[in-house]
Amino acid sequence: QKLALKSGFQPCSTIKVVAALAGLSEGIMDQETRMPMAGRYWNLTNALARSNNPYFANIGVKLGYDKIAHYARLF
């Protein structure tokens, strides 16, 4: 109940699925696209499994706010 009554909050992990689906749909990545993050290369499976914020932030930057918002509304 407290969560329902609080003011807005950041979507954090919930937006990761939206970013992943948007990136896949827009063709900027596929399941095996590797991105360098903190000395390692991450693909989508690893990034989802470990909830890697920078990986999905990178996708969001590449797509831009309007695309992410569009896919969030569709989802």
N, C-alpha and C. Protein backbone atom coordinates (compact mmCIF):
# COMPACT_ATOMS: atom_id res chain seq x y z
N GLN A 1 0.81 -1.19 0.00
CA GLN A 1 0.00 0.00 0.00
C GLN A 1 0.85 1.26 0.00
N LYS A 2 1.96 1.22 0.71
CA LYS A 2 2.81 2.41 0.76
C LYS A 2 3.32 2.75 -0.64
N LEU A 3 3.70 1.74 -1.43
CA LEU A 3 4.20 1.98 -2.77
C LEU A 3 3.14 2.65 -3.64
N ALA A 4 1.91 2.22 -3.52
CA ALA A 4 0.82 2.78 -4.33
C ALA A 4 0.57 4.25 -4.00
N LEU A 5 0.88 4.66 -2.78
CA LEU A 5 0.59 6.03 -2.35
C LEU A 5 1.77 6.97 -2.50
N LYS A 6 2.94 6.44 -2.80
CA LYS A 6 4.12 7.28 -2.97
C LYS A 6 4.04 8.04 -4.29
N SER A 7 4.86 9.08 -4.37
CA SER A 7 4.96 9.80 -5.64
C SER A 7 5.72 8.93 -6.64
N GLY A 8 5.89 9.43 -7.84
CA GLY A 8 6.52 8.68 -8.92
C GLY A 8 7.86 8.08 -8.54
N PHE A 9 8.22 7.02 -9.23
CA PHE A 9 9.50 6.36 -8.98
C PHE A 9 10.10 5.93 -10.31
N GLN A 10 11.39 5.69 -10.32
CA GLN A 10 12.07 5.28 -11.54
C GLN A 10 11.69 3.85 -11.89
N PRO A 11 11.50 3.56 -13.18
CA PRO A 11 11.06 2.23 -13.58
C PRO A 11 12.12 1.15 -13.44
N CYS A 12 13.39 1.51 -13.41
CA CYS A 12 14.52 0.58 -13.24
C CYS A 12 14.37 -0.69 -14.05
N SER A 13 14.30 -1.83 -13.40
CA SER A 13 14.34 -3.11 -14.11
C SER A 13 13.15 -3.36 -15.02
N THR A 14 12.03 -2.74 -14.75
CA THR A 14 10.87 -2.97 -15.61
C THR A 14 11.08 -2.42 -17.01
N ILE A 15 11.87 -1.37 -17.14
CA ILE A 15 12.09 -0.77 -18.46
C ILE A 15 13.12 -1.56 -19.26
N LYS A 16 13.87 -2.43 -18.61
CA LYS A 16 14.89 -3.22 -19.33
C LYS A 16 14.26 -4.11 -20.39
N VAL A 17 13.14 -4.72 -20.08
CA VAL A 17 12.47 -5.58 -21.06
C VAL A 17 11.98 -4.74 -22.23
N VAL A 18 11.44 -3.57 -21.94
CA VAL A 18 10.97 -2.67 -23.01
C VAL A 18 12.14 -2.25 -23.89
N ALA A 19 13.26 -1.86 -23.27
CA ALA A 19 14.44 -1.45 -24.04
C ALA A 19 14.95 -2.60 -24.91
N ALA A 20 14.98 -3.80 -24.35
CA ALA A 20 15.45 -4.96 -25.11
C ALA A 20 14.54 -5.22 -26.31
N LEU A 21 13.24 -5.23 -26.10
CA LEU A 21 12.30 -5.47 -27.19
C LEU A 21 12.37 -4.37 -28.24
N ALA A 22 12.51 -3.13 -27.80
CA ALA A 22 12.63 -2.01 -28.74
C ALA A 22 13.91 -2.13 -29.56
N GLY A 23 15.01 -2.45 -28.90
CA GLY A 23 16.28 -2.61 -29.61
C GLY A 23 16.24 -3.73 -30.63
N LEU A 24 15.63 -4.83 -30.25
CA LEU A 24 15.48 -5.96 -31.18
C LEU A 24 14.58 -5.58 -32.35
N SER A 25 13.45 -4.95 -32.05
CA SER A 25 12.49 -4.58 -33.09
C SER A 25 13.04 -3.54 -34.06
N GLU A 26 13.84 -2.62 -33.54
CA GLU A 26 14.40 -1.57 -34.38
C GLU A 26 15.68 -2.00 -35.10
N GLY A 27 16.16 -3.19 -34.80
CA GLY A 27 17.33 -3.73 -35.48
C GLY A 27 18.66 -3.14 -35.07
N ILE A 28 18.72 -2.48 -33.93
CA ILE A 28 20.01 -1.93 -33.49
C ILE A 28 20.84 -2.98 -32.76
N MET A 29 20.25 -4.13 -32.50
CA MET A 29 20.94 -5.20 -31.79
C MET A 29 20.22 -6.51 -32.07
N ASP A 30 20.88 -7.61 -31.74
CA ASP A 30 20.22 -8.91 -31.71
C ASP A 30 20.65 -9.60 -30.42
N GLN A 31 20.23 -10.82 -30.23
CA GLN A 31 20.51 -11.51 -28.96
C GLN A 31 22.01 -11.62 -28.68
N GLU A 32 22.81 -11.71 -29.73
CA GLU A 32 24.25 -11.90 -29.53
C GLU A 32 25.08 -10.64 -29.66
N THR A 33 24.45 -9.50 -29.91
CA THR A 33 25.20 -8.24 -29.99
C THR A 33 25.91 -8.02 -28.66
N ARG A 34 27.22 -7.83 -28.75
CA ARG A 34 28.02 -7.65 -27.53
C ARG A 34 28.37 -6.19 -27.36
N MET A 35 28.22 -5.71 -26.14
CA MET A 35 28.55 -4.32 -25.81
C MET A 35 29.58 -4.33 -24.69
N PRO A 36 30.62 -3.49 -24.82
CA PRO A 36 31.62 -3.42 -23.74
C PRO A 36 31.06 -2.67 -22.53
N MET A 37 31.15 -3.32 -21.38
CA MET A 37 30.69 -2.72 -20.13
C MET A 37 31.66 -3.09 -19.03
N ALA A 38 32.35 -2.12 -18.50
CA ALA A 38 33.25 -2.31 -17.36
C ALA A 38 34.25 -3.44 -17.59
N GLY A 39 34.91 -3.41 -18.74
CA GLY A 39 35.96 -4.39 -19.01
C GLY A 39 35.48 -5.75 -19.49
N ARG A 40 34.18 -5.92 -19.65
CA ARG A 40 33.62 -7.18 -20.16
C ARG A 40 32.72 -6.86 -21.33
N TYR A 41 32.46 -7.88 -22.13
CA TYR A 41 31.50 -7.75 -23.22
C TYR A 41 30.24 -8.50 -22.83
N TRP A 42 29.11 -7.80 -22.90
CA TRP A 42 27.83 -8.37 -22.49
C TRP A 42 26.94 -8.55 -23.71
N ASN A 43 26.23 -9.68 -23.76
CA ASN A 43 25.17 -9.84 -24.75
C ASN A 43 23.84 -9.72 -24.02
N LEU A 44 22.75 -9.79 -24.76
CA LEU A 44 21.43 -9.58 -24.17
C LEU A 44 21.12 -10.59 -23.07
N THR A 45 21.43 -11.84 -23.30
CA THR A 45 21.13 -12.87 -22.30
C THR A 45 21.85 -12.59 -20.98
N ASN A 46 23.15 -12.28 -21.07
CA ASN A 46 23.91 -11.99 -19.85
C ASN A 46 23.41 -10.72 -19.17
N ALA A 47 23.10 -9.71 -19.96
CA ALA A 47 22.64 -8.45 -19.39
C ALA A 47 21.30 -8.61 -18.67
N LEU A 48 20.38 -9.39 -19.25
CA LEU A 48 19.11 -9.64 -18.57
C LEU A 48 19.31 -10.49 -17.32
N ALA A 49 20.14 -11.52 -17.42
CA ALA A 49 20.36 -12.42 -16.29
C ALA A 49 20.97 -11.70 -15.09
N ARG A 50 21.82 -10.71 -15.37
CA ARG A 50 22.51 -10.00 -14.29
C ARG A 50 21.98 -8.58 -14.08
N SER A 51 20.89 -8.26 -14.77
CA SER A 51 20.24 -6.96 -14.63
C SER A 51 21.24 -5.82 -14.77
N ASN A 52 21.97 -5.82 -15.88
CA ASN A 52 23.04 -4.86 -16.12
C ASN A 52 22.47 -3.51 -16.59
N ASN A 53 22.40 -2.55 -15.69
CA ASN A 53 21.84 -1.24 -16.00
C ASN A 53 22.53 -0.54 -17.17
N PRO A 54 23.87 -0.46 -17.20
CA PRO A 54 24.51 0.26 -18.30
C PRO A 54 24.21 -0.33 -19.69
N TYR A 55 24.04 -1.63 -19.78
CA TYR A 55 23.72 -2.26 -21.07
C TYR A 55 22.41 -1.69 -21.61
N PHE A 56 21.40 -1.64 -20.77
CA PHE A 56 20.09 -1.17 -21.21
C PHE A 56 20.05 0.34 -21.35
N ALA A 57 20.84 1.04 -20.56
CA ALA A 57 20.95 2.49 -20.74
C ALA A 57 21.56 2.80 -22.10
N ASN A 58 22.53 2.01 -22.51
CA ASN A 58 23.17 2.17 -23.82
C ASN A 58 22.14 1.98 -24.93
N ILE A 59 21.30 0.98 -24.82
CA ILE A 59 20.24 0.76 -25.80
C ILE A 59 19.29 1.96 -25.82
N GLY A 60 18.93 2.43 -24.65
CA GLY A 60 18.04 3.58 -24.55
C GLY A 60 18.61 4.82 -25.21
N VAL A 61 19.90 5.06 -25.01
CA VAL A 61 20.56 6.21 -25.63
C VAL A 61 20.55 6.07 -27.15
N LYS A 62 20.84 4.88 -27.63
CA LYS A 62 20.84 4.66 -29.09
C LYS A 62 19.46 4.86 -29.69
N LEU A 63 18.42 4.43 -28.99
CA LEU A 63 17.06 4.55 -29.51
C LEU A 63 16.47 5.94 -29.30
N GLY A 64 16.80 6.56 -28.20
CA GLY A 64 16.23 7.86 -27.87
C GLY A 64 14.94 7.71 -27.07
N TYR A 65 14.61 8.78 -26.39
CA TYR A 65 13.46 8.77 -25.49
C TYR A 65 12.16 8.45 -26.22
N ASP A 66 11.94 9.05 -27.36
CA ASP A 66 10.67 8.88 -28.06
C ASP A 66 10.42 7.43 -28.45
N LYS A 67 11.46 6.74 -28.93
CA LYS A 67 11.30 5.33 -29.30
C LYS A 67 11.02 4.46 -28.08
N ILE A 68 11.77 4.69 -27.02
CA ILE A 68 11.54 3.90 -25.79
C ILE A 68 10.12 4.13 -25.27
N ALA A 69 9.71 5.40 -25.26
CA ALA A 69 8.35 5.72 -24.78
C ALA A 69 7.30 5.06 -25.67
N HIS A 70 7.54 5.06 -26.97
CA HIS A 70 6.61 4.42 -27.91
C HIS A 70 6.46 2.94 -27.60
N TYR A 71 7.57 2.24 -27.43
CA TYR A 71 7.52 0.80 -27.14
C TYR A 71 6.94 0.53 -25.75
N ALA A 72 7.19 1.42 -24.80
CA ALA A 72 6.61 1.25 -23.47
C ALA A 72 5.09 1.34 -23.54
N ARG A 73 4.60 2.29 -24.33
CA ARG A 73 3.14 2.40 -24.48
C ARG A 73 2.57 1.16 -25.17
N LEU A 74 3.27 0.64 -26.17
CA LEU A 74 2.80 -0.58 -26.85
C LEU A 74 2.77 -1.77 -25.89
N PHE A 75 3.79 -1.84 -25.05
CA PHE A 75 3.90 -2.96 -24.11
C PHE A 75 2.80 -2.89 -23.10
